[in-house]
Amino acid sequence: MIKLNVQELLDKQGKTRYWLVKEMQTTYKTVNKLCDNTLTGLQMETIEKLCKILKCEPNELFTLE
């Protein structure tokens, strides 16, 4: 199973979910799904946006469990 590391990256940077909502210009519900790994799909555009905002590489966003 592929797992998103969004919450871990936020914690590492001392950022909140609320901050990510503002940066992504999206809803809190969407950010919760990203952080809680409850998404059923993820667009390339969203991956790119997350990488820019969190200043990370795509391989840092994912882990394989």
PDB file of N, CA and C in Angstrom:
ATOM      1  N   MET A   1       0.837  -1.178   0.000  1.00  0.00           N
ATOM      2  CA  MET A   1       0.000   0.000   0.000  1.00  0.00           C
ATOM      3  C   MET A   1       0.887   1.248   0.000  1.00  0.00           C
ATOM      4  N   ILE A   2       0.528   2.228  -0.804  1.00  0.00           N
ATOM      5  CA  ILE A   2       1.254   3.494  -0.857  1.00  0.00           C
ATOM      6  C   ILE A   2       0.658   4.448   0.173  1.00  0.00           C
ATOM      7  N   LYS A   3       1.529   5.078   0.932  1.00  0.00           N
ATOM      8  CA  LYS A   3       1.098   5.996   1.988  1.00  0.00           C
ATOM      9  C   LYS A   3       1.660   7.384   1.703  1.00  0.00           C
ATOM     10  N   LEU A   4       0.839   8.408   1.904  1.00  0.00           N
ATOM     11  CA  LEU A   4       1.289   9.792   1.778  1.00  0.00           C
ATOM     12  C   LEU A   4       1.948  10.243   3.076  1.00  0.00           C
ATOM     13  N   ASN A   5       3.003  11.020   2.967  1.00  0.00           N
ATOM     14  CA  ASN A   5       3.725  11.516   4.134  1.00  0.00           C
ATOM     15  C   ASN A   5       3.452  12.996   4.403  1.00  0.00           C
ATOM     16  N   VAL A   6       2.306  13.493   3.986  1.00  0.00           N
ATOM     17  CA  VAL A   6       2.019  14.928   4.105  1.00  0.00           C
ATOM     18  C   VAL A   6       2.057  15.380   5.560  1.00  0.00           C
ATOM     19  N   GLN A   7       1.412  14.649   6.450  1.00  0.00           N
ATOM     20  CA  GLN A   7       1.396  15.052   7.859  1.00  0.00           C
ATOM     21  C   GLN A   7       2.801  15.054   8.453  1.00  0.00           C
ATOM     22  N   GLU A   8       3.597  14.060   8.099  1.00  0.00           N
ATOM     23  CA  GLU A   8       4.967  13.989   8.603  1.00  0.00           C
ATOM     24  C   GLU A   8       5.801  15.175   8.115  1.00  0.00           C
ATOM     25  N   LEU A   9       5.619  15.548   6.851  1.00  0.00           N
ATOM     26  CA  LEU A   9       6.342  16.690   6.299  1.00  0.00           C
ATOM     27  C   LEU A   9       5.903  17.988   6.967  1.00  0.00           C
ATOM     28  N   LEU A  10       4.615  18.117   7.224  1.00  0.00           N
ATOM     29  CA  LEU A  10       4.117  19.301   7.939  1.00  0.00           C
ATOM     30  C   LEU A  10       4.718  19.378   9.340  1.00  0.00           C
ATOM     31  N   ASP A  11       4.707  18.258  10.039  1.00  0.00           N
ATOM     32  CA  ASP A  11       5.253  18.214  11.400  1.00  0.00           C
ATOM     33  C   ASP A  11       6.732  18.590  11.406  1.00  0.00           C
ATOM     34  N   LYS A  12       7.484  18.050  10.446  1.00  0.00           N
ATOM     35  CA  LYS A  12       8.919  18.314  10.343  1.00  0.00           C
ATOM     36  C   LYS A  12       9.205  19.805  10.143  1.00  0.00           C
ATOM     37  N   GLN A  13       8.309  20.463   9.398  1.00  0.00           N
ATOM     38  CA  GLN A  13       8.499  21.875   9.078  1.00  0.00           C
ATOM     39  C   GLN A  13       7.803  22.805  10.074  1.00  0.00           C
ATOM     40  N   GLY A  14       7.106  22.223  11.052  1.00  0.00           N
ATOM     41  CA  GLY A  14       6.406  23.035  12.039  1.00  0.00           C
ATOM     42  C   GLY A  14       5.208  23.767  11.462  1.00  0.00           C
ATOM     43  N   LYS A  15       4.603  23.191  10.448  1.00  0.00           N
ATOM     44  CA  LYS A  15       3.443  23.795   9.778  1.00  0.00           C
ATOM     45  C   LYS A  15       2.166  23.048  10.170  1.00  0.00           C
ATOM     46  N   THR A  16       1.044  23.716  10.010  1.00  0.00           N
ATOM     47  CA  THR A  16      -0.248  23.132  10.373  1.00  0.00           C
ATOM     48  C   THR A  16      -1.061  22.783   9.135  1.00  0.00           C
ATOM     49  N   ARG A  17      -2.098  22.029   9.356  1.00  0.00           N
ATOM     50  CA  ARG A  17      -3.023  21.712   8.266  1.00  0.00           C
ATOM     51  C   ARG A  17      -3.697  22.994   7.772  1.00  0.00           C
ATOM     52  N   TYR A  18      -3.995  23.880   8.698  1.00  0.00           N
ATOM     53  CA  TYR A  18      -4.627  25.157   8.325  1.00  0.00           C
ATOM     54  C   TYR A  18      -3.709  25.929   7.372  1.00  0.00           C
ATOM     55  N   TRP A  19      -2.408  25.935   7.660  1.00  0.00           N
ATOM     56  CA  TRP A  19      -1.434  26.603   6.799  1.00  0.00           C
ATOM     57  C   TRP A  19      -1.484  25.989   5.399  1.00  0.00           C
ATOM     58  N   LEU A  20      -1.542  24.654   5.331  1.00  0.00           N
ATOM     59  CA  LEU A  20      -1.579  23.968   4.041  1.00  0.00           C
ATOM     60  C   LEU A  20      -2.857  24.288   3.273  1.00  0.00           C
ATOM     61  N   VAL A  21      -3.971  24.397   3.967  1.00  0.00           N
ATOM     62  CA  VAL A  21      -5.237  24.785   3.329  1.00  0.00           C
ATOM     63  C   VAL A  21      -5.060  26.122   2.623  1.00  0.00           C
ATOM     64  N   LYS A  22      -4.474  27.084   3.332  1.00  0.00           N
ATOM     65  CA  LYS A  22      -4.272  28.427   2.774  1.00  0.00           C
ATOM     66  C   LYS A  22      -3.299  28.388   1.587  1.00  0.00           C
ATOM     67  N   GLU A  23      -2.198  27.662   1.728  1.00  0.00           N
ATOM     68  CA  GLU A  23      -1.193  27.593   0.667  1.00  0.00           C
ATOM     69  C   GLU A  23      -1.724  26.907  -0.586  1.00  0.00           C
ATOM     70  N   MET A  24      -2.510  25.854  -0.407  1.00  0.00           N
ATOM     71  CA  MET A  24      -3.047  25.103  -1.545  1.00  0.00           C
ATOM     72  C   MET A  24      -4.310  25.739  -2.115  1.00  0.00           C
ATOM     73  N   GLN A  25      -4.878  26.672  -1.362  1.00  0.00           N
ATOM     74  CA  GLN A  25      -6.148  27.295  -1.749  1.00  0.00           C
ATOM     75  C   GLN A  25      -7.203  26.226  -2.003  1.00  0.00           C
ATOM     76  N   THR A  26      -7.371  25.373  -1.003  1.00  0.00           N
ATOM     77  CA  THR A  26      -8.318  24.272  -1.088  1.00  0.00           C
ATOM     78  C   THR A  26      -9.131  24.216   0.202  1.00  0.00           C
ATOM     79  N   THR A  27      -9.876  23.148   0.378  1.00  0.00           N
ATOM     80  CA  THR A  27     -10.707  23.014   1.570  1.00  0.00           C
ATOM     81  C   THR A  27      -9.991  22.224   2.661  1.00  0.00           C
ATOM     82  N   TYR A  28     -10.453  22.413   3.872  1.00  0.00           N
ATOM     83  CA  TYR A  28      -9.890  21.669   5.000  1.00  0.00           C
ATOM     84  C   TYR A  28     -10.163  20.177   4.828  1.00  0.00           C
ATOM     85  N   LYS A  29     -11.308  19.853   4.241  1.00  0.00           N
ATOM     86  CA  LYS A  29     -11.669  18.452   4.004  1.00  0.00           C
ATOM     87  C   LYS A  29     -10.639  17.768   3.099  1.00  0.00           C
ATOM     88  N   THR A  30     -10.200  18.457   2.060  1.00  0.00           N
ATOM     89  CA  THR A  30      -9.202  17.905   1.154  1.00  0.00           C
ATOM     90  C   THR A  30      -7.871  17.696   1.855  1.00  0.00           C
ATOM     91  N   VAL A  31      -7.444  18.686   2.641  1.00  0.00           N
ATOM     92  CA  VAL A  31      -6.171  18.572   3.359  1.00  0.00           C
ATOM     93  C   VAL A  31      -6.243  17.447   4.390  1.00  0.00           C
ATOM     94  N   ASN A  32      -7.376  17.292   5.051  1.00  0.00           N
ATOM     95  CA  ASN A  32      -7.539  16.180   5.996  1.00  0.00           C
ATOM     96  C   ASN A  32      -7.368  14.846   5.288  1.00  0.00           C
ATOM     97  N   LYS A  33      -7.942  14.712   4.102  1.00  0.00           N
ATOM     98  CA  LYS A  33      -7.800  13.468   3.339  1.00  0.00           C
ATOM     99  C   LYS A  33      -6.347  13.212   2.966  1.00  0.00           C
ATOM    100  N   LEU A  34      -5.619  14.284   2.603  1.00  0.00           N
ATOM    101  CA  LEU A  34      -4.201  14.150   2.276  1.00  0.00           C
ATOM    102  C   LEU A  34      -3.404  13.710   3.500  1.00  0.00           C
ATOM    103  N   CYS A  35      -3.680  14.332   4.631  1.00  0.00           N
ATOM    104  CA  CYS A  35      -2.919  14.063   5.855  1.00  0.00           C
ATOM    105  C   CYS A  35      -3.297  12.737   6.503  1.00  0.00           C
ATOM    106  N   ASP A  36      -4.549  12.331   6.366  1.00  0.00           N
ATOM    107  CA  ASP A  36      -5.034  11.104   7.000  1.00  0.00           C
ATOM    108  C   ASP A  36      -4.970   9.880   6.076  1.00  0.00           C
ATOM    109  N   ASN A  37      -4.468  10.074   4.862  1.00  0.00           N
ATOM    110  CA  ASN A  37      -4.344   8.981   3.892  1.00  0.00           C
ATOM    111  C   ASN A  37      -5.679   8.320   3.571  1.00  0.00           C
ATOM    112  N   THR A  38      -6.690   9.129   3.360  1.00  0.00           N
ATOM    113  CA  THR A  38      -7.995   8.582   3.017  1.00  0.00           C
ATOM    114  C   THR A  38      -8.405   8.932   1.584  1.00  0.00           C
ATOM    115  N   LEU A  39      -7.453   9.399   0.787  1.00  0.00           N
ATOM    116  CA  LEU A  39      -7.727   9.706  -0.616  1.00  0.00           C
ATOM    117  C   LEU A  39      -7.889   8.424  -1.415  1.00  0.00           C
ATOM    118  N   THR A  40      -8.697   8.483  -2.456  1.00  0.00           N
ATOM    119  CA  THR A  40      -8.808   7.337  -3.351  1.00  0.00           C
ATOM    120  C   THR A  40      -8.046   7.585  -4.644  1.00  0.00           C
ATOM    121  N   GLY A  41      -7.630   8.828  -4.879  1.00  0.00           N
ATOM    122  CA  GLY A  41      -6.860   9.172  -6.067  1.00  0.00           C
ATOM    123  C   GLY A  41      -6.165  10.500  -5.871  1.00  0.00           C
ATOM    124  N   LEU A  42      -5.114  10.719  -6.654  1.00  0.00           N
ATOM    125  CA  LEU A  42      -4.331  11.930  -6.524  1.00  0.00           C
ATOM    126  C   LEU A  42      -3.846  12.338  -7.908  1.00  0.00           C
ATOM    127  N   GLN A  43      -4.143  13.571  -8.300  1.00  0.00           N
ATOM    128  CA  GLN A  43      -3.742  14.055  -9.616  1.00  0.00           C
ATOM    129  C   GLN A  43      -2.295  14.528  -9.598  1.00  0.00           C
ATOM    130  N   MET A  44      -1.649  14.435 -10.742  1.00  0.00           N
ATOM    131  CA  MET A  44      -0.261  14.884 -10.888  1.00  0.00           C
ATOM    132  C   MET A  44      -0.126  16.357 -10.510  1.00  0.00           C
ATOM    133  N   GLU A  45      -1.109  17.144 -10.859  1.00  0.00           N
ATOM    134  CA  GLU A  45      -1.107  18.572 -10.533  1.00  0.00           C
ATOM    135  C   GLU A  45      -1.038  18.791  -9.019  1.00  0.00           C
ATOM    136  N   THR A  46      -1.747  17.971  -8.269  1.00  0.00           N
ATOM    137  CA  THR A  46      -1.747  18.080  -6.809  1.00  0.00           C
ATOM    138  C   THR A  46      -0.402  17.665  -6.236  1.00  0.00           C
ATOM    139  N   ILE A  47       0.200  16.629  -6.800  1.00  0.00           N
ATOM    140  CA  ILE A  47       1.528  16.188  -6.352  1.00  0.00           C
ATOM    141  C   ILE A  47       2.536  17.309  -6.570  1.00  0.00           C
ATOM    142  N   GLU A  48       2.488  17.925  -7.737  1.00  0.00           N
ATOM    143  CA  GLU A  48       3.401  19.013  -8.050  1.00  0.00           C
ATOM    144  C   GLU A  48       3.197  20.199  -7.093  1.00  0.00           C
ATOM    145  N   LYS A  49       1.954  20.519  -6.833  1.00  0.00           N
ATOM    146  CA  LYS A  49       1.621  21.621  -5.926  1.00  0.00           C
ATOM    147  C   LYS A  49       2.142  21.337  -4.512  1.00  0.00           C
ATOM    148  N   LEU A  50       1.923  20.120  -4.035  1.00  0.00           N
ATOM    149  CA  LEU A  50       2.411  19.743  -2.711  1.00  0.00           C
ATOM    150  C   LEU A  50       3.931  19.833  -2.624  1.00  0.00           C
ATOM    151  N   CYS A  51       4.612  19.376  -3.669  1.00  0.00           N
ATOM    152  CA  CYS A  51       6.076  19.427  -3.677  1.00  0.00           C
ATOM    153  C   CYS A  51       6.583  20.864  -3.617  1.00  0.00           C
ATOM    154  N   LYS A  52       5.953  21.749  -4.355  1.00  0.00           N
ATOM    155  CA  LYS A  52       6.362  23.158  -4.336  1.00  0.00           C
ATOM    156  C   LYS A  52       6.114  23.779  -2.969  1.00  0.00           C
ATOM    157  N   ILE A  53       4.934  23.542  -2.417  1.00  0.00           N
ATOM    158  CA  ILE A  53       4.556  24.142  -1.132  1.00  0.00           C
ATOM    159  C   ILE A  53       5.398  23.585   0.007  1.00  0.00           C
ATOM    160  N   LEU A  54       5.600  22.268   0.011  1.00  0.00           N
ATOM    161  CA  LEU A  54       6.338  21.627   1.102  1.00  0.00           C
ATOM    162  C   LEU A  54       7.848  21.562   0.833  1.00  0.00           C
ATOM    163  N   LYS A  55       8.262  22.082  -0.323  1.00  0.00           N
ATOM    164  CA  LYS A  55       9.681  22.107  -0.704  1.00  0.00           C
ATOM    165  C   LYS A  55      10.311  20.719  -0.576  1.00  0.00           C
ATOM    166  N   CYS A  56       9.705  19.780  -1.299  1.00  0.00           N
ATOM    167  CA  CYS A  56      10.189  18.403  -1.252  1.00  0.00           C
ATOM    168  C   CYS A  56      10.139  17.788  -2.647  1.00  0.00           C
ATOM    169  N   GLU A  57      10.706  16.613  -2.764  1.00  0.00           N
ATOM    170  CA  GLU A  57      10.682  15.851  -4.006  1.00  0.00           C
ATOM    171  C   GLU A  57       9.499  14.872  -3.938  1.00  0.00           C
ATOM    172  N   PRO A  58       8.976  14.443  -5.091  1.00  0.00           N
ATOM    173  CA  PRO A  58       7.852  13.505  -5.075  1.00  0.00           C
ATOM    174  C   PRO A  58       8.111  12.240  -4.259  1.00  0.00           C
ATOM    175  N   ASN A  59       9.346  11.724  -4.292  1.00  0.00           N
ATOM    176  CA  ASN A  59       9.635  10.493  -3.541  1.00  0.00           C
ATOM    177  C   ASN A  59       9.549  10.710  -2.030  1.00  0.00           C
ATOM    178  N   GLU A  60       9.623  11.970  -1.560  1.00  0.00           N
ATOM    179  CA  GLU A  60       9.479  12.257  -0.134  1.00  0.00           C
ATOM    180  C   GLU A  60       8.009  12.276   0.295  1.00  0.00           C
ATOM    181  N   LEU A  61       7.114  12.413  -0.672  1.00  0.00           N
ATOM    182  CA  LEU A  61       5.679  12.438  -0.369  1.00  0.00           C
ATOM    183  C   LEU A  61       5.098  11.052  -0.117  1.00  0.00           C
ATOM    184  N   PHE A  62       5.764  10.033  -0.623  1.00  0.00           N
ATOM    185  CA  PHE A  62       5.206   8.685  -0.572  1.00  0.00           C
ATOM    186  C   PHE A  62       6.119   7.687   0.118  1.00  0.00           C
ATOM    187  N   THR A  63       5.504   6.702   0.772  1.00  0.00           N
ATOM    188  CA  THR A  63       6.230   5.528   1.262  1.00  0.00           C
ATOM    189  C   THR A  63       5.412   4.310   0.879  1.00  0.00           C
ATOM    190  N   LEU A  64       6.070   3.193   0.777  1.00  0.00           N
ATOM    191  CA  LEU A  64       5.417   1.942   0.422  1.00  0.00           C
ATOM    192  C   LEU A  64       5.352   1.073   1.675  1.00  0.00           C
ATOM    193  N   GLU A  65       4.153   0.684   2.035  1.00  0.00           N
ATOM    194  CA  GLU A  65       3.989  -0.158   3.240  1.00  0.00           C
ATOM    195  C   GLU A  65       3.561  -1.542   2.861  1.00  0.00           C
TER     196      GLU A  65
END
